[in-house]
Amino acid sequence: MPSAKVLEQKKAIVADLADRLKNSVTGVLVNYKGINVADDTALRKELREAGVKYSVVKNTLLSRACEEAELTGLQTTLEGTTAIATSDEDYAAAARILANYAKKSKTFEIKGGYLDGEVVDLATIDSLAKLPTREVLLANVLGAFQAPIASFARAIQAIVDDGGIEACLAKKAGEEAPAAEEAPAEEAAEAPAAE
C-alpha cells in the first residue's frame, strides 16, 4: 500500500493533468513505443517551439485526469505506452507534428485525441494534421484581402498611363482625346514674331 505522501503526489499530478486537459483546446495521445532518444529530443523541441506541451504519463493517472476533465472516451486508448501533447491555442500543431513523425516511424502511432473538450476520432485528428500552419493561413487571408486592393491600384495606374479620366472616357465614347496641351504649343510656333 502506497504511503500517504505518495498518494498526495499522485493526486497532485492528476489534478495538474486534469487542469491541463480542461484548459487546452486540443490534445493528442500517442503510443511512443520504439522512439529513440535523439528522435524524442528532436520531437520534443519541435513541439515546444510550436507551443505544445508534451509529456509521458502513466495510463492510470491519465485515466483519472480524463474523468475529472470529463473526457471519458479517451480511456479506451490508454494501453501500452502513452504520451500526451496538448495545445492551449493552436488547434492543429500537435496533430500536425505528431502525424508527420508517425509517418516516418513504424512503431510510433496516434491513439486518440480531443478537440474543445470533446473526444474525436482518428480521422478528425488526421484532418487537423493536414491543416497548414497559422502563419500560412494568415498569409492566405492577407493575400485574399490584398487582391482587390492590388487590382484597384492597377486600374488607377492604367487610367493615369492612358492620359487621365477624360482621355479614357473619350476613348470609350469613340472620340479622340482633346489635345488641350498641344494646341498652345502649336500656336506659339506658327505665330510670327511681331517686333
N, C-alpha and C. Protein backbone atom coordinates (compact mmCIF):
# COMPACT_ATOMS: atom_id res chain seq x y z
N MET A 1 0.85 -1.18 0.00
CA MET A 1 0.00 0.00 0.00
C MET A 1 0.89 1.24 0.00
N PRO A 2 0.65 2.19 -0.95
CA PRO A 2 1.48 3.38 -1.01
C PRO A 2 1.28 4.26 0.23
N SER A 3 2.31 4.99 0.53
CA SER A 3 2.24 5.87 1.69
C SER A 3 1.36 7.08 1.38
N ALA A 4 1.00 7.81 2.42
CA ALA A 4 0.15 9.00 2.26
C ALA A 4 0.84 10.05 1.40
N LYS A 5 2.16 10.14 1.53
CA LYS A 5 2.93 11.12 0.76
C LYS A 5 2.86 10.80 -0.73
N VAL A 6 3.01 9.53 -1.08
CA VAL A 6 2.94 9.11 -2.48
C VAL A 6 1.54 9.35 -3.04
N LEU A 7 0.51 9.05 -2.24
CA LEU A 7 -0.87 9.28 -2.68
C LEU A 7 -1.14 10.76 -2.94
N GLU A 8 -0.61 11.62 -2.09
CA GLU A 8 -0.77 13.06 -2.27
C GLU A 8 -0.07 13.54 -3.54
N GLN A 9 1.11 12.99 -3.80
CA GLN A 9 1.84 13.34 -5.02
C GLN A 9 1.04 12.93 -6.25
N LYS A 10 0.47 11.73 -6.22
CA LYS A 10 -0.32 11.25 -7.36
C LYS A 10 -1.58 12.09 -7.54
N LYS A 11 -2.22 12.47 -6.44
CA LYS A 11 -3.41 13.33 -6.53
C LYS A 11 -3.05 14.68 -7.14
N ALA A 12 -1.89 15.20 -6.77
CA ALA A 12 -1.45 16.49 -7.33
C ALA A 12 -1.18 16.36 -8.83
N ILE A 13 -0.56 15.25 -9.23
CA ILE A 13 -0.29 15.01 -10.66
C ILE A 13 -1.59 14.92 -11.43
N VAL A 14 -2.56 14.18 -10.89
CA VAL A 14 -3.86 14.03 -11.55
C VAL A 14 -4.56 15.38 -11.65
N ALA A 15 -4.52 16.17 -10.59
CA ALA A 15 -5.17 17.49 -10.61
C ALA A 15 -4.52 18.40 -11.65
N ASP A 16 -3.20 18.42 -11.71
CA ASP A 16 -2.49 19.23 -12.71
C ASP A 16 -2.82 18.77 -14.12
N LEU A 17 -2.83 17.47 -14.31
CA LEU A 17 -3.12 16.91 -15.63
C LEU A 17 -4.56 17.22 -16.03
N ALA A 18 -5.50 17.12 -15.09
CA ALA A 18 -6.90 17.45 -15.39
C ALA A 18 -7.05 18.92 -15.77
N ASP A 19 -6.36 19.81 -15.07
CA ASP A 19 -6.39 21.24 -15.42
C ASP A 19 -5.81 21.46 -16.82
N ARG A 20 -4.75 20.77 -17.11
CA ARG A 20 -4.12 20.89 -18.43
C ARG A 20 -5.09 20.44 -19.51
N LEU A 21 -5.81 19.35 -19.28
CA LEU A 21 -6.78 18.86 -20.26
C LEU A 21 -7.94 19.84 -20.43
N LYS A 22 -8.41 20.40 -19.33
CA LYS A 22 -9.54 21.33 -19.38
C LYS A 22 -9.18 22.65 -20.07
N ASN A 23 -7.95 23.11 -19.86
CA ASN A 23 -7.54 24.43 -20.36
C ASN A 23 -6.95 24.41 -21.76
N SER A 24 -6.78 23.24 -22.34
CA SER A 24 -6.22 23.16 -23.69
C SER A 24 -7.33 23.06 -24.72
N VAL A 25 -7.06 23.55 -25.92
CA VAL A 25 -8.06 23.50 -26.99
C VAL A 25 -8.02 22.15 -27.71
N THR A 26 -6.86 21.52 -27.67
CA THR A 26 -6.72 20.23 -28.34
C THR A 26 -5.67 19.39 -27.63
N GLY A 27 -5.80 18.08 -27.79
CA GLY A 27 -4.83 17.16 -27.22
C GLY A 27 -4.76 15.90 -28.07
N VAL A 28 -3.57 15.34 -28.15
CA VAL A 28 -3.36 14.12 -28.94
C VAL A 28 -2.60 13.12 -28.09
N LEU A 29 -3.12 11.88 -28.04
CA LEU A 29 -2.46 10.80 -27.31
C LEU A 29 -1.70 9.93 -28.31
N VAL A 30 -0.48 9.56 -27.95
CA VAL A 30 0.33 8.72 -28.83
C VAL A 30 0.92 7.54 -28.08
N ASN A 31 1.22 6.51 -28.85
CA ASN A 31 2.00 5.39 -28.36
C ASN A 31 3.42 5.67 -28.84
N TYR A 32 4.30 5.98 -27.91
CA TYR A 32 5.65 6.40 -28.27
C TYR A 32 6.64 5.24 -28.33
N LYS A 33 6.15 4.03 -28.33
CA LYS A 33 7.00 2.84 -28.34
C LYS A 33 7.96 2.87 -29.54
N GLY A 34 9.20 2.58 -29.28
CA GLY A 34 10.19 2.47 -30.34
C GLY A 34 10.90 3.75 -30.70
N ILE A 35 10.61 4.85 -30.05
CA ILE A 35 11.29 6.11 -30.37
C ILE A 35 12.64 6.14 -29.65
N ASN A 36 13.67 6.54 -30.37
CA ASN A 36 14.99 6.62 -29.73
C ASN A 36 15.20 8.00 -29.11
N VAL A 37 16.25 8.14 -28.35
CA VAL A 37 16.49 9.37 -27.59
C VAL A 37 16.67 10.57 -28.51
N ALA A 38 17.42 10.41 -29.58
CA ALA A 38 17.68 11.53 -30.49
C ALA A 38 16.38 12.01 -31.14
N ASP A 39 15.57 11.05 -31.60
CA ASP A 39 14.29 11.42 -32.22
C ASP A 39 13.34 12.03 -31.21
N ASP A 40 13.32 11.49 -29.99
CA ASP A 40 12.47 12.02 -28.94
C ASP A 40 12.86 13.46 -28.61
N THR A 41 14.14 13.72 -28.53
CA THR A 41 14.63 15.08 -28.24
C THR A 41 14.23 16.04 -29.35
N ALA A 42 14.40 15.62 -30.59
CA ALA A 42 14.03 16.47 -31.73
C ALA A 42 12.52 16.71 -31.77
N LEU A 43 11.74 15.66 -31.48
CA LEU A 43 10.29 15.78 -31.47
C LEU A 43 9.83 16.74 -30.38
N ARG A 44 10.38 16.58 -29.19
CA ARG A 44 10.02 17.47 -28.08
C ARG A 44 10.39 18.93 -28.39
N LYS A 45 11.52 19.14 -29.02
CA LYS A 45 11.95 20.50 -29.38
C LYS A 45 10.96 21.13 -30.36
N GLU A 46 10.58 20.36 -31.37
CA GLU A 46 9.64 20.88 -32.38
C GLU A 46 8.28 21.19 -31.74
N LEU A 47 7.82 20.31 -30.85
CA LEU A 47 6.55 20.56 -30.17
C LEU A 47 6.64 21.79 -29.27
N ARG A 48 7.73 21.91 -28.54
CA ARG A 48 7.91 23.06 -27.63
C ARG A 48 7.92 24.37 -28.42
N GLU A 49 8.60 24.39 -29.57
CA GLU A 49 8.66 25.60 -30.39
C GLU A 49 7.29 25.98 -30.95
N ALA A 50 6.42 24.99 -31.09
CA ALA A 50 5.06 25.25 -31.59
C ALA A 50 4.09 25.57 -30.45
N GLY A 51 4.59 25.61 -29.22
CA GLY A 51 3.74 25.93 -28.08
C GLY A 51 2.92 24.75 -27.57
N VAL A 52 3.38 23.54 -27.87
CA VAL A 52 2.68 22.32 -27.47
C VAL A 52 3.39 21.70 -26.27
N LYS A 53 2.60 21.34 -25.25
CA LYS A 53 3.15 20.65 -24.07
C LYS A 53 3.07 19.15 -24.33
N TYR A 54 4.18 18.47 -24.14
CA TYR A 54 4.26 17.03 -24.42
C TYR A 54 4.85 16.34 -23.21
N SER A 55 4.18 15.29 -22.76
CA SER A 55 4.72 14.54 -21.62
C SER A 55 4.26 13.09 -21.66
N VAL A 56 5.11 12.26 -21.11
CA VAL A 56 4.80 10.84 -20.95
C VAL A 56 4.04 10.72 -19.63
N VAL A 57 2.95 9.97 -19.65
CA VAL A 57 2.13 9.82 -18.45
C VAL A 57 1.77 8.36 -18.23
N LYS A 58 1.50 8.05 -16.97
CA LYS A 58 1.01 6.72 -16.64
C LYS A 58 -0.46 6.64 -17.03
N ASN A 59 -0.85 5.51 -17.55
CA ASN A 59 -2.23 5.35 -18.00
C ASN A 59 -3.23 5.52 -16.87
N THR A 60 -2.92 5.00 -15.68
CA THR A 60 -3.87 5.11 -14.56
C THR A 60 -4.07 6.57 -14.16
N LEU A 61 -2.98 7.34 -14.11
CA LEU A 61 -3.11 8.76 -13.75
C LEU A 61 -3.86 9.54 -14.82
N LEU A 62 -3.57 9.26 -16.08
CA LEU A 62 -4.26 9.94 -17.17
C LEU A 62 -5.74 9.56 -17.19
N SER A 63 -6.04 8.32 -16.87
CA SER A 63 -7.43 7.88 -16.82
C SER A 63 -8.21 8.67 -15.76
N ARG A 64 -7.63 8.86 -14.61
CA ARG A 64 -8.29 9.64 -13.56
C ARG A 64 -8.43 11.11 -13.96
N ALA A 65 -7.39 11.64 -14.61
CA ALA A 65 -7.45 13.03 -15.06
C ALA A 65 -8.53 13.20 -16.13
N CYS A 66 -8.68 12.21 -17.01
CA CYS A 66 -9.73 12.26 -18.03
C CYS A 66 -11.11 12.26 -17.39
N GLU A 67 -11.28 11.50 -16.32
CA GLU A 67 -12.56 11.50 -15.60
C GLU A 67 -12.86 12.89 -15.05
N GLU A 68 -11.86 13.50 -14.42
CA GLU A 68 -12.05 14.84 -13.86
C GLU A 68 -12.33 15.89 -14.94
N ALA A 69 -11.70 15.72 -16.10
CA ALA A 69 -11.88 16.67 -17.20
C ALA A 69 -13.08 16.31 -18.08
N GLU A 70 -13.79 15.25 -17.73
CA GLU A 70 -14.95 14.78 -18.48
C GLU A 70 -14.61 14.41 -19.91
N LEU A 71 -13.49 13.74 -20.09
CA LEU A 71 -13.07 13.20 -21.39
C LEU A 71 -13.05 11.67 -21.29
N THR A 72 -14.16 11.09 -20.91
CA THR A 72 -14.19 9.66 -20.62
C THR A 72 -13.96 8.78 -21.85
N GLY A 73 -14.18 9.27 -23.04
CA GLY A 73 -13.97 8.47 -24.24
C GLY A 73 -12.52 8.15 -24.53
N LEU A 74 -11.59 8.87 -23.92
CA LEU A 74 -10.16 8.61 -24.15
C LEU A 74 -9.64 7.39 -23.41
N GLN A 75 -10.37 6.95 -22.39
CA GLN A 75 -9.86 5.88 -21.54
C GLN A 75 -9.71 4.56 -22.28
N THR A 76 -10.43 4.38 -23.37
CA THR A 76 -10.30 3.14 -24.15
C THR A 76 -8.96 3.05 -24.86
N THR A 77 -8.28 4.18 -25.04
CA THR A 77 -6.99 4.20 -25.74
C THR A 77 -5.81 4.06 -24.79
N LEU A 78 -6.06 4.01 -23.50
CA LEU A 78 -4.98 4.02 -22.51
C LEU A 78 -4.44 2.62 -22.24
N GLU A 79 -3.69 2.13 -23.21
CA GLU A 79 -3.00 0.85 -23.10
C GLU A 79 -1.60 1.03 -23.65
N GLY A 80 -0.67 0.28 -23.14
CA GLY A 80 0.71 0.37 -23.60
C GLY A 80 1.35 1.67 -23.15
N THR A 81 2.32 2.14 -23.91
CA THR A 81 3.00 3.39 -23.57
C THR A 81 2.15 4.55 -24.06
N THR A 82 2.06 5.60 -23.24
CA THR A 82 1.22 6.74 -23.60
C THR A 82 1.93 8.06 -23.31
N ALA A 83 1.87 8.94 -24.29
CA ALA A 83 2.32 10.32 -24.13
C ALA A 83 1.19 11.21 -24.62
N ILE A 84 1.10 12.39 -24.04
CA ILE A 84 0.04 13.31 -24.45
C ILE A 84 0.65 14.65 -24.84
N ALA A 85 0.13 15.20 -25.92
CA ALA A 85 0.54 16.52 -26.40
C ALA A 85 -0.69 17.42 -26.36
N THR A 86 -0.59 18.54 -25.66
CA THR A 86 -1.72 19.47 -25.56
C THR A 86 -1.30 20.86 -26.01
N SER A 87 -2.26 21.58 -26.56
CA SER A 87 -2.01 22.95 -27.01
C SER A 87 -3.10 23.85 -26.47
N ASP A 88 -2.70 24.99 -25.94
CA ASP A 88 -3.66 25.94 -25.39
C ASP A 88 -4.23 26.89 -26.44
N GLU A 89 -3.58 27.01 -27.60
CA GLU A 89 -4.01 27.98 -28.60
C GLU A 89 -4.15 27.41 -30.00
N ASP A 90 -3.16 26.67 -30.46
CA ASP A 90 -3.13 26.18 -31.83
C ASP A 90 -3.82 24.82 -31.93
N TYR A 91 -4.90 24.77 -32.70
CA TYR A 91 -5.68 23.54 -32.82
C TYR A 91 -4.94 22.44 -33.57
N ALA A 92 -4.12 22.79 -34.52
CA ALA A 92 -3.54 21.80 -35.42
C ALA A 92 -2.10 21.43 -35.13
N ALA A 93 -1.38 22.21 -34.34
CA ALA A 93 0.07 22.00 -34.20
C ALA A 93 0.42 20.61 -33.69
N ALA A 94 -0.19 20.17 -32.60
CA ALA A 94 0.15 18.86 -32.03
C ALA A 94 -0.15 17.75 -33.03
N ALA A 95 -1.32 17.79 -33.64
CA ALA A 95 -1.70 16.75 -34.60
C ALA A 95 -0.76 16.74 -35.80
N ARG A 96 -0.42 17.92 -36.32
CA ARG A 96 0.45 18.01 -37.49
C ARG A 96 1.84 17.45 -37.21
N ILE A 97 2.43 17.87 -36.10
CA ILE A 97 3.80 17.45 -35.78
C ILE A 97 3.85 15.95 -35.47
N LEU A 98 2.91 15.47 -34.66
CA LEU A 98 2.92 14.05 -34.30
C LEU A 98 2.56 13.16 -35.49
N ALA A 99 1.65 13.59 -36.34
CA ALA A 99 1.30 12.79 -37.53
C ALA A 99 2.48 12.71 -38.49
N ASN A 100 3.21 13.80 -38.64
CA ASN A 100 4.40 13.77 -39.51
C ASN A 100 5.43 12.79 -38.97
N TYR A 101 5.61 12.78 -37.66
CA TYR A 101 6.57 11.84 -37.08
C TYR A 101 6.07 10.41 -37.21
N ALA A 102 4.78 10.20 -37.02
CA ALA A 102 4.21 8.84 -37.11
C ALA A 102 4.37 8.27 -38.52
N LYS A 103 4.35 9.12 -39.55
CA LYS A 103 4.55 8.65 -40.92
C LYS A 103 5.95 8.07 -41.11
N LYS A 104 6.93 8.63 -40.40
CA LYS A 104 8.33 8.20 -40.54
C LYS A 104 8.63 6.95 -39.71
N SER A 105 7.84 6.70 -38.68
CA SER A 105 8.12 5.62 -37.74
C SER A 105 7.13 4.47 -37.92
N LYS A 106 7.63 3.25 -37.73
CA LYS A 106 6.75 2.09 -37.85
C LYS A 106 6.05 1.78 -36.54
N THR A 107 6.60 2.21 -35.42
CA THR A 107 6.03 1.87 -34.12
C THR A 107 5.31 3.03 -33.44
N PHE A 108 5.69 4.25 -33.72
CA PHE A 108 5.08 5.43 -33.12
C PHE A 108 3.71 5.63 -33.78
N GLU A 109 2.64 5.71 -32.97
CA GLU A 109 1.31 5.85 -33.55
C GLU A 109 0.42 6.75 -32.71
N ILE A 110 -0.52 7.39 -33.39
CA ILE A 110 -1.50 8.22 -32.71
C ILE A 110 -2.63 7.32 -32.22
N LYS A 111 -3.00 7.49 -30.95
CA LYS A 111 -4.03 6.65 -30.34
C LYS A 111 -5.40 7.31 -30.30
N GLY A 112 -5.43 8.60 -30.10
CA GLY A 112 -6.70 9.31 -29.97
C GLY A 112 -6.46 10.76 -29.64
N GLY A 113 -7.55 11.48 -29.38
CA GLY A 113 -7.39 12.88 -29.04
C GLY A 113 -8.71 13.54 -28.74
N TYR A 114 -8.64 14.82 -28.46
CA TYR A 114 -9.84 15.60 -28.18
C TYR A 114 -9.67 16.99 -28.76
N LEU A 115 -10.82 17.63 -28.93
CA LEU A 115 -10.86 18.97 -29.53
C LEU A 115 -11.96 19.74 -28.81
N ASP A 116 -11.60 20.85 -28.19
CA ASP A 116 -12.55 21.68 -27.44
C ASP A 116 -13.38 20.87 -26.45
N GLY A 117 -12.71 19.99 -25.72
CA GLY A 117 -13.39 19.23 -24.66
C GLY A 117 -14.20 18.04 -25.14
N GLU A 118 -14.15 17.71 -26.42
CA GLU A 118 -14.88 16.58 -26.97
C GLU A 118 -13.88 15.58 -27.56
N VAL A 119 -14.07 14.31 -27.24
CA VAL A 119 -13.21 13.26 -27.79
C VAL A 119 -13.51 13.14 -29.29
N VAL A 120 -12.45 13.06 -30.10
CA VAL A 120 -12.60 12.95 -31.56
C VAL A 120 -11.94 11.67 -32.05
N ASP A 121 -12.34 11.26 -33.24
CA ASP A 121 -11.79 10.03 -33.81
C ASP A 121 -10.47 10.33 -34.54
N LEU A 122 -9.83 9.27 -35.00
CA LEU A 122 -8.54 9.41 -35.67
C LEU A 122 -8.66 10.16 -37.00
N ALA A 123 -9.80 10.05 -37.66
CA ALA A 123 -10.00 10.78 -38.92
C ALA A 123 -9.98 12.29 -38.69
N THR A 124 -10.56 12.73 -37.59
CA THR A 124 -10.56 14.16 -37.27
C THR A 124 -9.15 14.64 -36.96
N ILE A 125 -8.40 13.83 -36.23
CA ILE A 125 -7.01 14.18 -35.92
C ILE A 125 -6.19 14.25 -37.21
N ASP A 126 -6.45 13.31 -38.13
CA ASP A 126 -5.76 13.32 -39.41
C ASP A 126 -6.11 14.58 -40.20
N SER A 127 -7.36 15.01 -40.14
CA SER A 127 -7.78 16.24 -40.83
C SER A 127 -7.08 17.46 -40.22
N LEU A 128 -6.97 17.48 -38.90
CA LEU A 128 -6.25 18.57 -38.23
C LEU A 128 -4.80 18.60 -38.66
N ALA A 129 -4.21 17.42 -38.79
CA ALA A 129 -2.80 17.33 -39.16
C ALA A 129 -2.53 17.88 -40.55
N LYS A 130 -3.53 17.86 -41.40
CA LYS A 130 -3.35 18.33 -42.78
C LYS A 130 -3.54 19.84 -42.93
N LEU A 131 -4.02 20.49 -41.87
CA LEU A 131 -4.19 21.94 -41.94
C LEU A 131 -2.83 22.63 -42.00
N PRO A 132 -2.73 23.71 -42.76
CA PRO A 132 -1.46 24.45 -42.79
C PRO A 132 -1.23 25.17 -41.47
N THR A 133 -0.03 25.65 -41.29
CA THR A 133 0.31 26.36 -40.06
C THR A 133 -0.46 27.67 -39.98
N ARG A 134 -0.49 28.24 -38.81
CA ARG A 134 -1.18 29.50 -38.59
C ARG A 134 -0.62 30.60 -39.48
N GLU A 135 0.70 30.62 -39.63
CA GLU A 135 1.34 31.65 -40.45
C GLU A 135 0.92 31.54 -41.91
N VAL A 136 0.81 30.30 -42.42
CA VAL A 136 0.39 30.10 -43.81
C VAL A 136 -1.07 30.53 -43.98
N LEU A 137 -1.92 30.17 -43.02
CA LEU A 137 -3.32 30.59 -43.09
C LEU A 137 -3.45 32.11 -43.07
N LEU A 138 -2.68 32.77 -42.20
CA LEU A 138 -2.73 34.23 -42.15
C LEU A 138 -2.23 34.85 -43.45
N ALA A 139 -1.21 34.26 -44.04
CA ALA A 139 -0.70 34.77 -45.32
C ALA A 139 -1.76 34.62 -46.41
N ASN A 140 -2.49 33.50 -46.40
CA ASN A 140 -3.55 33.31 -47.39
C ASN A 140 -4.66 34.34 -47.22
N VAL A 141 -5.05 34.60 -45.97
CA VAL A 141 -6.10 35.59 -45.71
C VAL A 141 -5.62 36.97 -46.13
N LEU A 142 -4.38 37.30 -45.80
CA LEU A 142 -3.83 38.59 -46.19
C LEU A 142 -3.79 38.72 -47.71
N GLY A 143 -3.42 37.66 -48.40
CA GLY A 143 -3.42 37.67 -49.86
C GLY A 143 -4.81 37.90 -50.43
N ALA A 144 -5.80 37.28 -49.79
CA ALA A 144 -7.18 37.47 -50.25
C ALA A 144 -7.64 38.92 -50.06
N PHE A 145 -7.19 39.55 -48.97
CA PHE A 145 -7.54 40.96 -48.74
C PHE A 145 -6.78 41.88 -49.69
N GLN A 146 -5.56 41.54 -50.03
CA GLN A 146 -4.74 42.41 -50.88
C GLN A 146 -5.13 42.34 -52.35
N ALA A 147 -5.71 41.24 -52.80
CA ALA A 147 -6.02 41.07 -54.22
C ALA A 147 -6.93 42.17 -54.75
N PRO A 148 -8.05 42.49 -54.11
CA PRO A 148 -8.89 43.57 -54.65
C PRO A 148 -8.20 44.92 -54.61
N ILE A 149 -7.43 45.17 -53.59
CA ILE A 149 -6.72 46.45 -53.48
C ILE A 149 -5.68 46.57 -54.59
N ALA A 150 -4.97 45.48 -54.86
CA ALA A 150 -3.97 45.49 -55.92
C ALA A 150 -4.63 45.68 -57.28
N SER A 151 -5.77 45.05 -57.51
CA SER A 151 -6.50 45.22 -58.78
C SER A 151 -6.95 46.67 -58.95
N PHE A 152 -7.44 47.27 -57.89
CA PHE A 152 -7.86 48.66 -57.93
C PHE A 152 -6.67 49.57 -58.25
N ALA A 153 -5.53 49.30 -57.63
CA ALA A 153 -4.33 50.12 -57.89
C ALA A 153 -3.88 49.99 -59.34
N ARG A 154 -3.95 48.77 -59.90
CA ARG A 154 -3.57 48.58 -61.31
C ARG A 154 -4.53 49.32 -62.24
N ALA A 155 -5.83 49.32 -61.91
CA ALA A 155 -6.81 50.02 -62.74
C ALA A 155 -6.56 51.52 -62.71
N ILE A 156 -6.27 52.07 -61.55
CA ILE A 156 -5.97 53.50 -61.44
C ILE A 156 -4.71 53.84 -62.22
N GLN A 157 -3.69 52.99 -62.13
CA GLN A 157 -2.44 53.24 -62.86
C GLN A 157 -2.68 53.19 -64.36
N ALA A 158 -3.55 52.29 -64.82
CA ALA A 158 -3.85 52.21 -66.25
C ALA A 158 -4.53 53.49 -66.73
N ILE A 159 -5.41 54.04 -65.91
CA ILE A 159 -6.08 55.30 -66.26
C ILE A 159 -5.05 56.42 -66.37
N VAL A 160 -4.15 56.49 -65.43
CA VAL A 160 -3.11 57.52 -65.45
C VAL A 160 -2.22 57.35 -66.67
N ASP A 161 -1.85 56.11 -66.99
CA ASP A 161 -0.99 55.85 -68.15
C ASP A 161 -1.67 56.22 -69.47
N ASP A 162 -3.01 56.13 -69.51
CA ASP A 162 -3.75 56.46 -70.73
C ASP A 162 -4.05 57.95 -70.87
N GLY A 163 -3.63 58.76 -69.93
CA GLY A 163 -3.82 60.19 -70.06
C GLY A 163 -4.88 60.78 -69.16
N GLY A 164 -5.38 60.03 -68.24
CA GLY A 164 -6.35 60.56 -67.28
C GLY A 164 -7.76 60.08 -67.58
N ILE A 165 -8.67 60.54 -66.76
CA ILE A 165 -10.06 60.10 -66.86
C ILE A 165 -10.71 60.60 -68.14
N GLU A 166 -10.45 61.87 -68.50
CA GLU A 166 -11.07 62.43 -69.72
C GLU A 166 -10.65 61.64 -70.95
N ALA A 167 -9.38 61.26 -71.03
CA ALA A 167 -8.89 60.50 -72.18
C ALA A 167 -9.52 59.12 -72.22
N CYS A 168 -9.66 58.50 -71.09
CA CYS A 168 -10.27 57.17 -71.04
C CYS A 168 -11.75 57.24 -71.42
N LEU A 169 -12.46 58.26 -70.94
CA LEU A 169 -13.88 58.41 -71.27
C LEU A 169 -14.04 58.72 -72.75
N ALA A 170 -13.16 59.51 -73.29
CA ALA A 170 -13.22 59.84 -74.71
C ALA A 170 -12.96 58.61 -75.56
N LYS A 171 -11.99 57.79 -75.18
CA LYS A 171 -11.72 56.55 -75.91
C LYS A 171 -12.93 55.63 -75.87
N LYS A 172 -13.55 55.58 -74.72
CA LYS A 172 -14.71 54.72 -74.56
C LYS A 172 -15.86 55.21 -75.44
N ALA A 173 -16.00 56.52 -75.56
CA ALA A 173 -17.07 57.10 -76.37
C ALA A 173 -16.71 57.08 -77.85
N GLY A 174 -15.49 56.73 -78.20
CA GLY A 174 -15.07 56.65 -79.60
C GLY A 174 -14.52 57.94 -80.15
N GLU A 175 -14.29 58.92 -79.30
CA GLU A 175 -13.76 60.20 -79.74
C GLU A 175 -12.26 60.24 -79.52
N GLU A 176 -11.66 61.21 -80.14
CA GLU A 176 -10.24 61.45 -79.90
C GLU A 176 -10.11 62.23 -78.62
N ALA A 177 -9.05 61.98 -77.90
CA ALA A 177 -8.80 62.73 -76.67
C ALA A 177 -8.46 64.15 -77.03
N PRO A 178 -8.99 65.14 -76.32
CA PRO A 178 -8.67 66.54 -76.63
C PRO A 178 -7.19 66.80 -76.41
N ALA A 179 -6.61 67.54 -77.37
CA ALA A 179 -5.19 67.85 -77.28
C ALA A 179 -5.04 69.26 -76.73
N ALA A 180 -5.51 69.46 -75.52
CA ALA A 180 -5.51 70.79 -74.92
C ALA A 180 -4.11 71.30 -74.68
N GLU A 181 -3.23 70.45 -74.33
CA GLU A 181 -1.87 70.89 -74.02
C GLU A 181 -1.06 71.14 -75.29
N GLU A 182 -1.39 70.43 -76.38
CA GLU A 182 -0.61 70.56 -77.60
C GLU A 182 -0.98 71.83 -78.38
N ALA A 183 -2.21 72.28 -78.32
CA ALA A 183 -2.67 73.41 -79.10
C ALA A 183 -1.89 74.69 -78.80
N PRO A 184 -1.69 75.09 -77.55
CA PRO A 184 -0.94 76.32 -77.32
C PRO A 184 0.49 76.22 -77.84
N ALA A 185 1.10 75.10 -77.81
CA ALA A 185 2.47 74.96 -78.29
C ALA A 185 2.52 75.12 -79.80
N GLU A 186 1.51 74.59 -80.52
CA GLU A 186 1.47 74.72 -81.97
C GLU A 186 1.22 76.17 -82.37
N GLU A 187 0.31 76.84 -81.62
CA GLU A 187 0.00 78.24 -81.93
C GLU A 187 1.22 79.11 -81.71
N ALA A 188 1.98 78.84 -80.71
CA ALA A 188 3.18 79.63 -80.44
C ALA A 188 4.21 79.47 -81.54
N ALA A 189 4.29 78.29 -82.15
CA ALA A 189 5.25 78.04 -83.20
C ALA A 189 4.83 78.72 -84.51
N GLU A 190 3.51 78.77 -84.78
CA GLU A 190 3.03 79.35 -86.02
C GLU A 190 2.94 80.88 -85.98
N ALA A 191 2.80 81.46 -84.80
CA ALA A 191 2.63 82.92 -84.70
C ALA A 191 3.94 83.60 -85.08
N PRO A 192 3.86 84.65 -86.00
CA PRO A 192 5.07 85.36 -86.41
C PRO A 192 5.57 86.25 -85.28
N ALA A 193 6.79 86.43 -85.30
CA ALA A 193 7.40 87.30 -84.28
C ALA A 193 7.07 88.72 -84.64
N ALA A 194 6.35 89.40 -83.78
CA ALA A 194 5.90 90.77 -84.04
C ALA A 194 6.83 91.76 -83.35
N GLU A 195 7.86 92.14 -84.02
CA GLU A 195 8.76 93.15 -83.47
C GLU A 195 9.27 94.02 -84.53
